[in-house]
């Protein structure tokens, strides 16, 4: 996993965990199952940094023993699923403090 850590670090992002793995770690309770994925979050400041991150995540995910799930969060608090950001869709579903909405890709880091 150390090589994967370096890939994400080179992309300029710190990785944080949430979801079932985080709850299992924090409580010692059995939140994980055979079908659990790995829920991660990355705070990213620019579209270029996000592009480098999703490229690294795609390489890591291809060989990962579990499905990587997670969100990229912008400085303004918009959050998008990393696979959606990796797509070439002109619009993306984002989460924000005031609700979810579709935005143009170009607005993500505007």
PDB file of N, CA and C in Angstrom:
ATOM      1  N   UNK A   1       0.817  -1.200   0.000  1.00  0.00           N
ATOM      2  CA  UNK A   1       0.000   0.000   0.000  1.00  0.00           C
ATOM      3  C   UNK A   1       0.857   1.259   0.000  1.00  0.00           C
ATOM      4  N   UNK A   2       2.096   1.163   0.427  1.00  0.00           N
ATOM      5  CA  UNK A   2       2.967   2.331   0.492  1.00  0.00           C
ATOM      6  C   UNK A   2       3.114   2.991  -0.875  1.00  0.00           C
ATOM      7  N   UNK A   3       3.240   2.205  -1.938  1.00  0.00           N
ATOM      8  CA  UNK A   3       3.332   2.770  -3.278  1.00  0.00           C
ATOM      9  C   UNK A   3       2.092   3.558  -3.642  1.00  0.00           C
ATOM     10  N   UNK A   4       0.935   3.072  -3.216  1.00  0.00           N
ATOM     11  CA  UNK A   4      -0.317   3.781  -3.473  1.00  0.00           C
ATOM     12  C   UNK A   4      -0.358   5.094  -2.708  1.00  0.00           C
ATOM     13  N   UNK A   5       0.146   5.095  -1.471  1.00  0.00           N
ATOM     14  CA  UNK A   5       0.203   6.324  -0.692  1.00  0.00           C
ATOM     15  C   UNK A   5       1.020   7.376  -1.417  1.00  0.00           C
ATOM     16  N   UNK A   6       2.143   6.962  -1.999  1.00  0.00           N
ATOM     17  CA  UNK A   6       3.001   7.902  -2.723  1.00  0.00           C
ATOM     18  C   UNK A   6       2.290   8.446  -3.954  1.00  0.00           C
ATOM     19  N   UNK A   7       1.524   7.612  -4.649  1.00  0.00           N
ATOM     20  CA  UNK A   7       0.791   8.075  -5.833  1.00  0.00           C
ATOM     21  C   UNK A   7      -0.194   9.178  -5.466  1.00  0.00           C
ATOM     22  N   UNK A   8      -0.942   8.974  -4.397  1.00  0.00           N
ATOM     23  CA  UNK A   8      -1.931   9.967  -3.985  1.00  0.00           C
ATOM     24  C   UNK A   8      -1.221  11.206  -3.457  1.00  0.00           C
ATOM     25  N   UNK A   9      -0.130  11.018  -2.702  1.00  0.00           N
ATOM     26  CA  UNK A   9       0.613  12.162  -2.176  1.00  0.00           C
ATOM     27  C   UNK A   9       1.168  13.008  -3.316  1.00  0.00           C
ATOM     28  N   UNK A  10       1.708  12.361  -4.351  1.00  0.00           N
ATOM     29  CA  UNK A  10       2.224  13.103  -5.510  1.00  0.00           C
ATOM     30  C   UNK A  10       1.105  13.866  -6.204  1.00  0.00           C
ATOM     31  N   UNK A  11      -0.101  13.375  -6.096  1.00  0.00           N
ATOM     32  CA  UNK A  11      -1.240  14.069  -6.695  1.00  0.00           C
ATOM     33  C   UNK A  11      -1.634  15.291  -5.860  1.00  0.00           C
ATOM     34  N   UNK A  12      -1.028  15.456  -4.690  1.00  0.00           N
ATOM     35  CA  UNK A  12      -1.242  16.640  -3.874  1.00  0.00           C
ATOM     36  C   UNK A  12      -2.428  16.571  -2.935  1.00  0.00           C
ATOM     37  N   UNK A  13      -2.804  15.389  -2.501  1.00  0.00           N
ATOM     38  CA  UNK A  13      -3.993  15.246  -1.667  1.00  0.00           C
ATOM     39  C   UNK A  13      -3.725  14.394  -0.438  1.00  0.00           C
ATOM     40  N   UNK A  14      -4.347  14.792   0.651  1.00  0.00           N
ATOM     41  CA  UNK A  14      -4.329  13.987   1.867  1.00  0.00           C
ATOM     42  C   UNK A  14      -5.583  13.134   1.875  1.00  0.00           C
ATOM     43  N   UNK A  15      -5.429  11.866   2.198  1.00  0.00           N
ATOM     44  CA  UNK A  15      -6.552  10.933   2.206  1.00  0.00           C
ATOM     45  C   UNK A  15      -7.108  10.790   3.613  1.00  0.00           C
ATOM     46  N   UNK A  16      -8.413  10.884   3.713  1.00  0.00           N
ATOM     47  CA  UNK A  16      -9.105  10.639   4.989  1.00  0.00           C
ATOM     48  C   UNK A  16     -10.150   9.554   4.758  1.00  0.00           C
ATOM     49  N   UNK A  17     -10.378   8.767   5.798  1.00  0.00           N
ATOM     50  CA  UNK A  17     -11.301   7.639   5.719  1.00  0.00           C
ATOM     51  C   UNK A  17     -12.594   7.966   6.468  1.00  0.00           C
ATOM     52  N   UNK A  18     -13.707   7.499   5.922  1.00  0.00           N
ATOM     53  CA  UNK A  18     -14.992   7.555   6.630  1.00  0.00           C
ATOM     54  C   UNK A  18     -15.726   6.260   6.319  1.00  0.00           C
ATOM     55  N   UNK A  19     -16.941   6.112   6.740  1.00  0.00           N
ATOM     56  CA  UNK A  19     -17.702   4.900   6.438  1.00  0.00           C
ATOM     57  C   UNK A  19     -17.403   3.758   7.385  1.00  0.00           C
ATOM     58  N   UNK A  20     -17.659   2.544   6.908  1.00  0.00           N
ATOM     59  CA  UNK A  20     -17.597   1.368   7.780  1.00  0.00           C
ATOM     60  C   UNK A  20     -16.203   1.117   8.349  1.00  0.00           C
ATOM     61  N   UNK A  21     -15.147   1.341   7.585  1.00  0.00           N
ATOM     62  CA  UNK A  21     -13.795   1.143   8.119  1.00  0.00           C
ATOM     63  C   UNK A  21     -13.507   2.132   9.242  1.00  0.00           C
ATOM     64  N   UNK A  22     -13.895   3.375   9.070  1.00  0.00           N
ATOM     65  CA  UNK A  22     -13.688   4.375  10.114  1.00  0.00           C
ATOM     66  C   UNK A  22     -14.477   4.014  11.375  1.00  0.00           C
ATOM     67  N   UNK A  23     -15.741   3.613  11.188  1.00  0.00           N
ATOM     68  CA  UNK A  23     -16.544   3.246  12.354  1.00  0.00           C
ATOM     69  C   UNK A  23     -15.971   2.019  13.068  1.00  0.00           C
ATOM     70  N   UNK A  24     -15.514   1.045  12.322  1.00  0.00           N
ATOM     71  CA  UNK A  24     -14.908  -0.144  12.935  1.00  0.00           C
ATOM     72  C   UNK A  24     -13.665   0.246  13.726  1.00  0.00           C
ATOM     73  N   UNK A  25     -12.848   1.119  13.159  1.00  0.00           N
ATOM     74  CA  UNK A  25     -11.629   1.559  13.836  1.00  0.00           C
ATOM     75  C   UNK A  25     -11.960   2.347  15.104  1.00  0.00           C
ATOM     76  N   UNK A  26     -12.914   3.251  15.009  1.00  0.00           N
ATOM     77  CA  UNK A  26     -13.245   4.116  16.144  1.00  0.00           C
ATOM     78  C   UNK A  26     -13.946   3.389  17.280  1.00  0.00           C
ATOM     79  N   UNK A  27     -14.772   2.395  16.947  1.00  0.00           N
ATOM     80  CA  UNK A  27     -15.589   1.749  17.972  1.00  0.00           C
ATOM     81  C   UNK A  27     -15.138   0.347  18.345  1.00  0.00           C
ATOM     82  N   UNK A  28     -14.372  -0.293  17.474  1.00  0.00           N
ATOM     83  CA  UNK A  28     -14.006  -1.688  17.707  1.00  0.00           C
ATOM     84  C   UNK A  28     -15.139  -2.657  17.375  1.00  0.00           C
ATOM     85  N   UNK A  29     -16.234  -2.133  16.830  1.00  0.00           N
ATOM     86  CA  UNK A  29     -17.382  -2.977  16.479  1.00  0.00           C
ATOM     87  C   UNK A  29     -17.236  -3.496  15.048  1.00  0.00           C
ATOM     88  N   UNK A  30     -17.905  -4.605  14.748  1.00  0.00           N
ATOM     89  CA  UNK A  30     -17.749  -5.242  13.425  1.00  0.00           C
ATOM     90  C   UNK A  30     -18.607  -4.598  12.328  1.00  0.00           C
ATOM     91  N   UNK A  31     -18.205  -3.437  11.869  1.00  0.00           N
ATOM     92  CA  UNK A  31     -18.938  -2.754  10.805  1.00  0.00           C
ATOM     93  C   UNK A  31     -18.591  -3.285   9.414  1.00  0.00           C
ATOM     94  N   UNK A  32     -17.460  -3.935   9.254  1.00  0.00           N
ATOM     95  CA  UNK A  32     -17.007  -4.394   7.942  1.00  0.00           C
ATOM     96  C   UNK A  32     -17.619  -5.737   7.580  1.00  0.00           C
ATOM     97  N   UNK A  33     -17.857  -5.915   6.276  1.00  0.00           N
ATOM     98  CA  UNK A  33     -18.366  -7.194   5.777  1.00  0.00           C
ATOM     99  C   UNK A  33     -17.606  -7.554   4.504  1.00  0.00           C
ATOM    100  N   UNK A  34     -17.922  -8.695   3.942  1.00  0.00           N
ATOM    101  CA  UNK A  34     -17.288  -9.140   2.692  1.00  0.00           C
ATOM    102  C   UNK A  34     -17.531  -8.160   1.550  1.00  0.00           C
ATOM    103  N   UNK A  35     -18.633  -7.423   1.622  1.00  0.00           N
ATOM    104  CA  UNK A  35     -18.976  -6.514   0.527  1.00  0.00           C
ATOM    105  C   UNK A  35     -18.634  -5.053   0.830  1.00  0.00           C
ATOM    106  N   UNK A  36     -17.963  -4.799   1.928  1.00  0.00           N
ATOM    107  CA  UNK A  36     -17.605  -3.421   2.278  1.00  0.00           C
ATOM    108  C   UNK A  36     -16.662  -2.825   1.244  1.00  0.00           C
ATOM    109  N   UNK A  37     -16.859  -1.534   0.990  1.00  0.00           N
ATOM    110  CA  UNK A  37     -15.912  -0.813   0.156  1.00  0.00           C
ATOM    111  C   UNK A  37     -15.082   0.087   1.076  1.00  0.00           C
ATOM    112  N   UNK A  38     -14.165   0.808   0.503  1.00  0.00           N
ATOM    113  CA  UNK A  38     -13.313   1.715   1.266  1.00  0.00           C
ATOM    114  C   UNK A  38     -13.750   3.130   0.940  1.00  0.00           C
ATOM    115  N   UNK A  39     -14.323   3.822   1.924  1.00  0.00           N
ATOM    116  CA  UNK A  39     -14.847   5.171   1.739  1.00  0.00           C
ATOM    117  C   UNK A  39     -13.777   6.186   2.128  1.00  0.00           C
ATOM    118  N   UNK A  40     -13.403   7.030   1.165  1.00  0.00           N
ATOM    119  CA  UNK A  40     -12.319   7.990   1.365  1.00  0.00           C
ATOM    120  C   UNK A  40     -12.766   9.377   0.938  1.00  0.00           C
ATOM    121  N   UNK A  41     -12.082  10.393   1.453  1.00  0.00           N
ATOM    122  CA  UNK A  41     -12.360  11.770   1.062  1.00  0.00           C
ATOM    123  C   UNK A  41     -11.034  12.506   0.882  1.00  0.00           C
ATOM    124  N   UNK A  42     -11.024  13.380  -0.131  1.00  0.00           N
ATOM    125  CA  UNK A  42      -9.829  14.169  -0.425  1.00  0.00           C
ATOM    126  C   UNK A  42     -10.234  15.623  -0.600  1.00  0.00           C
ATOM    127  N   UNK A  43      -9.556  16.532   0.085  1.00  0.00           N
ATOM    128  CA  UNK A  43      -9.759  17.966  -0.119  1.00  0.00           C
ATOM    129  C   UNK A  43      -8.727  18.407  -1.151  1.00  0.00           C
ATOM    130  N   UNK A  44      -9.211  18.950  -2.258  1.00  0.00           N
ATOM    131  CA  UNK A  44      -8.365  19.283  -3.400  1.00  0.00           C
ATOM    132  C   UNK A  44      -8.620  20.742  -3.771  1.00  0.00           C
ATOM    133  N   UNK A  45      -7.550  21.475  -4.059  1.00  0.00           N
ATOM    134  CA  UNK A  45      -7.695  22.915  -4.284  1.00  0.00           C
ATOM    135  C   UNK A  45      -7.862  23.340  -5.738  1.00  0.00           C
ATOM    136  N   UNK A  46      -7.468  22.504  -6.691  1.00  0.00           N
ATOM    137  CA  UNK A  46      -7.564  22.901  -8.100  1.00  0.00           C
ATOM    138  C   UNK A  46      -8.060  21.746  -8.965  1.00  0.00           C
ATOM    139  N   UNK A  47      -8.561  22.096 -10.142  1.00  0.00           N
ATOM    140  CA  UNK A  47      -9.002  21.078 -11.091  1.00  0.00           C
ATOM    141  C   UNK A  47      -7.823  20.218 -11.541  1.00  0.00           C
ATOM    142  N   UNK A  48      -6.649  20.812 -11.710  1.00  0.00           N
ATOM    143  CA  UNK A  48      -5.467  20.045 -12.109  1.00  0.00           C
ATOM    144  C   UNK A  48      -5.095  19.018 -11.042  1.00  0.00           C
ATOM    145  N   UNK A  49      -5.138  19.436  -9.782  1.00  0.00           N
ATOM    146  CA  UNK A  49      -4.827  18.510  -8.690  1.00  0.00           C
ATOM    147  C   UNK A  49      -5.861  17.384  -8.643  1.00  0.00           C
ATOM    148  N   UNK A  50      -7.124  17.712  -8.882  1.00  0.00           N
ATOM    149  CA  UNK A  50      -8.172  16.688  -8.893  1.00  0.00           C
ATOM    150  C   UNK A  50      -7.953  15.708 -10.044  1.00  0.00           C
ATOM    151  N   UNK A  51      -7.539  16.210 -11.196  1.00  0.00           N
ATOM    152  CA  UNK A  51      -7.275  15.327 -12.346  1.00  0.00           C
ATOM    153  C   UNK A  51      -6.117  14.383 -12.045  1.00  0.00           C
ATOM    154  N   UNK A  52      -5.053  14.890 -11.420  1.00  0.00           N
ATOM    155  CA  UNK A  52      -3.924  14.026 -11.039  1.00  0.00           C
ATOM    156  C   UNK A  52      -4.377  12.978 -10.021  1.00  0.00           C
ATOM    157  N   UNK A  53      -5.210  13.406  -9.075  1.00  0.00           N
ATOM    158  CA  UNK A  53      -5.705  12.488  -8.052  1.00  0.00           C
ATOM    159  C   UNK A  53      -6.534  11.368  -8.668  1.00  0.00           C
ATOM    160  N   UNK A  54      -7.496  11.695  -9.532  1.00  0.00           N
ATOM    161  CA  UNK A  54      -8.346  10.633 -10.083  1.00  0.00           C
ATOM    162  C   UNK A  54      -7.549   9.707 -10.992  1.00  0.00           C
ATOM    163  N   UNK A  55      -6.523  10.203 -11.647  1.00  0.00           N
ATOM    164  CA  UNK A  55      -5.660   9.322 -12.444  1.00  0.00           C
ATOM    165  C   UNK A  55      -4.949   8.326 -11.536  1.00  0.00           C
ATOM    166  N   UNK A  56      -4.436   8.811 -10.405  1.00  0.00           N
ATOM    167  CA  UNK A  56      -3.784   7.919  -9.441  1.00  0.00           C
ATOM    168  C   UNK A  56      -4.794   6.934  -8.852  1.00  0.00           C
ATOM    169  N   UNK A  57      -5.988   7.410  -8.527  1.00  0.00           N
ATOM    170  CA  UNK A  57      -7.015   6.529  -7.952  1.00  0.00           C
ATOM    171  C   UNK A  57      -7.427   5.441  -8.922  1.00  0.00           C
ATOM    172  N   UNK A  58      -7.540   5.767 -10.193  1.00  0.00           N
ATOM    173  CA  UNK A  58      -7.915   4.757 -11.192  1.00  0.00           C
ATOM    174  C   UNK A  58      -6.861   3.657 -11.254  1.00  0.00           C
ATOM    175  N   UNK A  59      -5.577   4.037 -11.190  1.00  0.00           N
ATOM    176  CA  UNK A  59      -4.511   3.028 -11.194  1.00  0.00           C
ATOM    177  C   UNK A  59      -4.556   2.178  -9.926  1.00  0.00           C
ATOM    178  N   UNK A  60      -4.766   2.817  -8.793  1.00  0.00           N
ATOM    179  CA  UNK A  60      -4.833   2.087  -7.514  1.00  0.00           C
ATOM    180  C   UNK A  60      -6.048   1.166  -7.501  1.00  0.00           C
ATOM    181  N   UNK A  61      -7.197   1.694  -7.921  1.00  0.00           N
ATOM    182  CA  UNK A  61      -8.447   0.937  -7.898  1.00  0.00           C
ATOM    183  C   UNK A  61      -8.366  -0.317  -8.765  1.00  0.00           C
ATOM    184  N   UNK A  62      -7.642  -0.236  -9.858  1.00  0.00           N
ATOM    185  CA  UNK A  62      -7.524  -1.384 -10.773  1.00  0.00           C
ATOM    186  C   UNK A  62      -6.925  -2.607 -10.084  1.00  0.00           C
ATOM    187  N   UNK A  63      -6.067  -2.400  -9.093  1.00  0.00           N
ATOM    188  CA  UNK A  63      -5.448  -3.529  -8.405  1.00  0.00           C
ATOM    189  C   UNK A  63      -5.846  -3.676  -6.946  1.00  0.00           C
ATOM    190  N   UNK A  64      -6.801  -2.875  -6.510  1.00  0.00           N
ATOM    191  CA  UNK A  64      -7.189  -2.897  -5.092  1.00  0.00           C
ATOM    192  C   UNK A  64      -8.031  -4.128  -4.762  1.00  0.00           C
ATOM    193  N   UNK A  65      -7.868  -4.666  -3.558  1.00  0.00           N
ATOM    194  CA  UNK A  65      -8.653  -5.832  -3.157  1.00  0.00           C
ATOM    195  C   UNK A  65     -10.103  -5.492  -2.794  1.00  0.00           C
ATOM    196  N   UNK A  66     -10.402  -4.200  -2.617  1.00  0.00           N
ATOM    197  CA  UNK A  66     -11.771  -3.745  -2.347  1.00  0.00           C
ATOM    198  C   UNK A  66     -12.067  -2.554  -3.249  1.00  0.00           C
ATOM    199  N   UNK A  67     -13.338  -2.265  -3.421  1.00  0.00           N
ATOM    200  CA  UNK A  67     -13.739  -1.127  -4.249  1.00  0.00           C
ATOM    201  C   UNK A  67     -13.415   0.170  -3.519  1.00  0.00           C
ATOM    202  N   UNK A  68     -12.765   1.091  -4.214  1.00  0.00           N
ATOM    203  CA  UNK A  68     -12.484   2.406  -3.653  1.00  0.00           C
ATOM    204  C   UNK A  68     -13.647   3.335  -3.957  1.00  0.00           C
ATOM    205  N   UNK A  69     -14.222   3.892  -2.922  1.00  0.00           N
ATOM    206  CA  UNK A  69     -15.297   4.852  -3.070  1.00  0.00           C
ATOM    207  C   UNK A  69     -14.815   6.138  -2.421  1.00  0.00           C
ATOM    208  N   UNK A  70     -15.357   7.251  -2.795  1.00  0.00           N
ATOM    209  CA  UNK A  70     -14.939   8.468  -2.125  1.00  0.00           C
ATOM    210  C   UNK A  70     -15.285   9.715  -2.883  1.00  0.00           C
ATOM    211  N   UNK A  71     -15.021  10.831  -2.214  1.00  0.00           N
ATOM    212  CA  UNK A  71     -15.399  12.131  -2.737  1.00  0.00           C
ATOM    213  C   UNK A  71     -14.227  13.090  -2.753  1.00  0.00           C
ATOM    214  N   UNK A  72     -14.222  13.910  -3.782  1.00  0.00           N
ATOM    215  CA  UNK A  72     -13.295  15.027  -3.889  1.00  0.00           C
ATOM    216  C   UNK A  72     -14.050  16.250  -3.392  1.00  0.00           C
ATOM    217  N   UNK A  73     -13.429  17.022  -2.501  1.00  0.00           N
ATOM    218  CA  UNK A  73     -14.062  18.206  -1.937  1.00  0.00           C
ATOM    219  C   UNK A  73     -13.240  19.433  -2.324  1.00  0.00           C
ATOM    220  N   UNK A  74     -13.924  20.450  -2.840  1.00  0.00           N
ATOM    221  CA  UNK A  74     -13.265  21.685  -3.268  1.00  0.00           C
ATOM    222  C   UNK A  74     -13.123  22.650  -2.089  1.00  0.00           C
ATOM    223  N   UNK A  75     -12.327  23.702  -2.234  1.00  0.00           N
ATOM    224  CA  UNK A  75     -12.215  24.705  -1.168  1.00  0.00           C
ATOM    225  C   UNK A  75     -13.541  25.378  -0.818  1.00  0.00           C
ATOM    226  N   UNK A  76     -14.494  25.401  -1.771  1.00  0.00           N
ATOM    227  CA  UNK A  76     -15.802  26.005  -1.488  1.00  0.00           C
ATOM    228  C   UNK A  76     -16.789  25.015  -0.885  1.00  0.00           C
ATOM    229  N   UNK A  77     -16.362  23.766  -0.682  1.00  0.00           N
ATOM    230  CA  UNK A  77     -17.211  22.775  -0.034  1.00  0.00           C
ATOM    231  C   UNK A  77     -18.026  21.910  -0.967  1.00  0.00           C
ATOM    232  N   UNK A  78     -17.864  22.045  -2.277  1.00  0.00           N
ATOM    233  CA  UNK A  78     -18.554  21.151  -3.204  1.00  0.00           C
ATOM    234  C   UNK A  78     -17.876  19.789  -3.173  1.00  0.00           C
ATOM    235  N   UNK A  79     -18.666  18.729  -3.151  1.00  0.00           N
ATOM    236  CA  UNK A  79     -18.132  17.369  -3.111  1.00  0.00           C
ATOM    237  C   UNK A  79     -18.698  16.566  -4.276  1.00  0.00           C
ATOM    238  N   UNK A  80     -17.823  15.827  -4.967  1.00  0.00           N
ATOM    239  CA  UNK A  80     -18.241  14.993  -6.084  1.00  0.00           C
ATOM    240  C   UNK A  80     -17.578  13.631  -5.945  1.00  0.00           C
ATOM    241  N   UNK A  81     -18.288  12.593  -6.328  1.00  0.00           N
ATOM    242  CA  UNK A  81     -17.751  11.234  -6.287  1.00  0.00           C
ATOM    243  C   UNK A  81     -16.575  11.165  -7.253  1.00  0.00           C
ATOM    244  N   UNK A  82     -15.462  10.536  -6.839  1.00  0.00           N
ATOM    245  CA  UNK A  82     -14.244  10.578  -7.659  1.00  0.00           C
ATOM    246  C   UNK A  82     -14.433   9.954  -9.034  1.00  0.00           C
ATOM    247  N   UNK A  83     -15.232   8.893  -9.124  1.00  0.00           N
ATOM    248  CA  UNK A  83     -15.453   8.260 -10.432  1.00  0.00           C
ATOM    249  C   UNK A  83     -16.232   9.184 -11.374  1.00  0.00           C
ATOM    250  N   UNK A  84     -17.148   9.955 -10.801  1.00  0.00           N
ATOM    251  CA  UNK A  84     -17.892  10.897 -11.628  1.00  0.00           C
ATOM    252  C   UNK A  84     -16.959  12.000 -12.144  1.00  0.00           C
ATOM    253  N   UNK A  85     -16.064  12.476 -11.279  1.00  0.00           N
ATOM    254  CA  UNK A  85     -15.095  13.474 -11.716  1.00  0.00           C
ATOM    255  C   UNK A  85     -14.170  12.893 -12.787  1.00  0.00           C
ATOM    256  N   UNK A  86     -13.841  11.615 -12.680  1.00  0.00           N
ATOM    257  CA  UNK A  86     -12.953  10.956 -13.645  1.00  0.00           C
ATOM    258  C   UNK A  86     -13.621  10.773 -15.004  1.00  0.00           C
ATOM    259  N   UNK A  87     -14.942  10.804 -15.035  1.00  0.00           N
ATOM    260  CA  UNK A  87     -15.656  10.636 -16.302  1.00  0.00           C
ATOM    261  C   UNK A  87     -15.496  11.897 -17.150  1.00  0.00           C
ATOM    262  N   UNK A  88     -16.002  11.843 -18.362  1.00  0.00           N
ATOM    263  CA  UNK A  88     -15.952  13.029 -19.215  1.00  0.00           C
ATOM    264  C   UNK A  88     -17.317  13.731 -19.284  1.00  0.00           C
ATOM    265  N   UNK A  89     -18.162  13.453 -18.308  1.00  0.00           N
ATOM    266  CA  UNK A  89     -19.493  14.061 -18.282  1.00  0.00           C
ATOM    267  C   UNK A  89     -19.381  15.585 -18.163  1.00  0.00           C
ATOM    268  N   UNK A  90     -20.134  16.327 -18.951  1.00  0.00           N
ATOM    269  CA  UNK A  90     -20.058  17.790 -18.876  1.00  0.00           C
ATOM    270  C   UNK A  90     -20.711  18.354 -17.616  1.00  0.00           C
ATOM    271  N   UNK A  91     -21.608  17.577 -17.000  1.00  0.00           N
ATOM    272  CA  UNK A  91     -22.229  17.973 -15.736  1.00  0.00           C
ATOM    273  C   UNK A  91     -22.003  16.889 -14.697  1.00  0.00           C
ATOM    274  N   UNK A  92     -21.964  17.319 -13.433  1.00  0.00           N
ATOM    275  CA  UNK A  92     -21.734  16.378 -12.334  1.00  0.00           C
ATOM    276  C   UNK A  92     -22.709  16.673 -11.200  1.00  0.00           C
ATOM    277  N   UNK A  93     -23.079  15.620 -10.477  1.00  0.00           N
ATOM    278  CA  UNK A  93     -23.897  15.773  -9.286  1.00  0.00           C
ATOM    279  C   UNK A  93     -22.963  16.081  -8.125  1.00  0.00           C
ATOM    280  N   UNK A  94     -23.171  17.222  -7.479  1.00  0.00           N
ATOM    281  CA  UNK A  94     -22.336  17.602  -6.342  1.00  0.00           C
ATOM    282  C   UNK A  94     -23.186  17.738  -5.090  1.00  0.00           C
ATOM    283  N   UNK A  95     -22.521  17.523  -3.971  1.00  0.00           N
ATOM    284  CA  UNK A  95     -23.136  17.764  -2.674  1.00  0.00           C
ATOM    285  C   UNK A  95     -22.569  19.071  -2.140  1.00  0.00           C
ATOM    286  N   UNK A  96     -23.421  19.820  -1.451  1.00  0.00           N
ATOM    287  CA  UNK A  96     -22.996  21.060  -0.811  1.00  0.00           C
ATOM    288  C   UNK A  96     -23.785  21.223   0.484  1.00  0.00           C
ATOM    289  N   UNK A  97     -23.378  22.146   1.311  1.00  0.00           N
ATOM    290  CA  UNK A  97     -24.058  22.361   2.587  1.00  0.00           C
ATOM    291  C   UNK A  97     -25.528  22.718   2.377  1.00  0.00           C
ATOM    292  N   UNK A  98     -25.846  23.351   1.253  1.00  0.00           N
ATOM    293  CA  UNK A  98     -27.225  23.769   1.000  1.00  0.00           C
ATOM    294  C   UNK A  98     -27.998  22.790   0.125  1.00  0.00           C
ATOM    295  N   UNK A  99     -27.451  21.599  -0.121  1.00  0.00           N
ATOM    296  CA  UNK A  99     -28.162  20.579  -0.881  1.00  0.00           C
ATOM    297  C   UNK A  99     -27.357  20.048  -2.050  1.00  0.00           C
ATOM    298  N   UNK A 100     -27.943  19.095  -2.738  1.00  0.00           N
ATOM    299  CA  UNK A 100     -27.311  18.477  -3.906  1.00  0.00           C
ATOM    300  C   UNK A 100     -27.812  19.142  -5.167  1.00  0.00           C
ATOM    301  N   UNK A 101     -26.950  19.163  -6.200  1.00  0.00           N
ATOM    302  CA  UNK A 101     -27.367  19.757  -7.466  1.00  0.00           C
ATOM    303  C   UNK A 101     -26.424  19.324  -8.582  1.00  0.00           C
ATOM    304  N   UNK A 102     -26.899  19.472  -9.782  1.00  0.00           N
ATOM    305  CA  UNK A 102     -26.074  19.256 -10.963  1.00  0.00           C
ATOM    306  C   UNK A 102     -25.374  20.572 -11.287  1.00  0.00           C
ATOM    307  N   UNK A 103     -24.078  20.490 -11.600  1.00  0.00           N
ATOM    308  CA  UNK A 103     -23.354  21.682 -12.037  1.00  0.00           C
ATOM    309  C   UNK A 103     -22.515  21.317 -13.261  1.00  0.00           C
ATOM    310  N   UNK A 104     -22.158  22.334 -14.017  1.00  0.00           N
ATOM    311  CA  UNK A 104     -21.236  22.122 -15.131  1.00  0.00           C
ATOM    312  C   UNK A 104     -19.855  21.794 -14.576  1.00  0.00           C
ATOM    313  N   UNK A 105     -19.167  20.900 -15.212  1.00  0.00           N
ATOM    314  CA  UNK A 105     -17.803  20.526 -14.795  1.00  0.00           C
ATOM    315  C   UNK A 105     -16.936  21.759 -14.606  1.00  0.00           C
ATOM    316  N   UNK A 106     -17.094  22.744 -15.469  1.00  0.00           N
ATOM    317  CA  UNK A 106     -16.271  23.944 -15.401  1.00  0.00           C
ATOM    318  C   UNK A 106     -16.529  24.776 -14.143  1.00  0.00           C
ATOM    319  N   UNK A 107     -17.654  24.567 -13.469  1.00  0.00           N
ATOM    320  CA  UNK A 107     -17.981  25.302 -12.241  1.00  0.00           C
ATOM    321  C   UNK A 107     -17.392  24.675 -10.983  1.00  0.00           C
ATOM    322  N   UNK A 108     -16.913  23.458 -11.080  1.00  0.00           N
ATOM    323  CA  UNK A 108     -16.471  22.728  -9.891  1.00  0.00           C
ATOM    324  C   UNK A 108     -15.418  23.496  -9.098  1.00  0.00           C
ATOM    325  N   UNK A 109     -14.441  24.064  -9.756  1.00  0.00           N
ATOM    326  CA  UNK A 109     -13.367  24.786  -9.071  1.00  0.00           C
ATOM    327  C   UNK A 109     -13.378  26.274  -9.389  1.00  0.00           C
ATOM    328  N   UNK A 110     -14.511  26.795  -9.881  1.00  0.00           N
ATOM    329  CA  UNK A 110     -14.601  28.211 -10.256  1.00  0.00           C
ATOM    330  C   UNK A 110     -14.699  29.099  -9.019  1.00  0.00           C
TER     331      UNK A 110
END
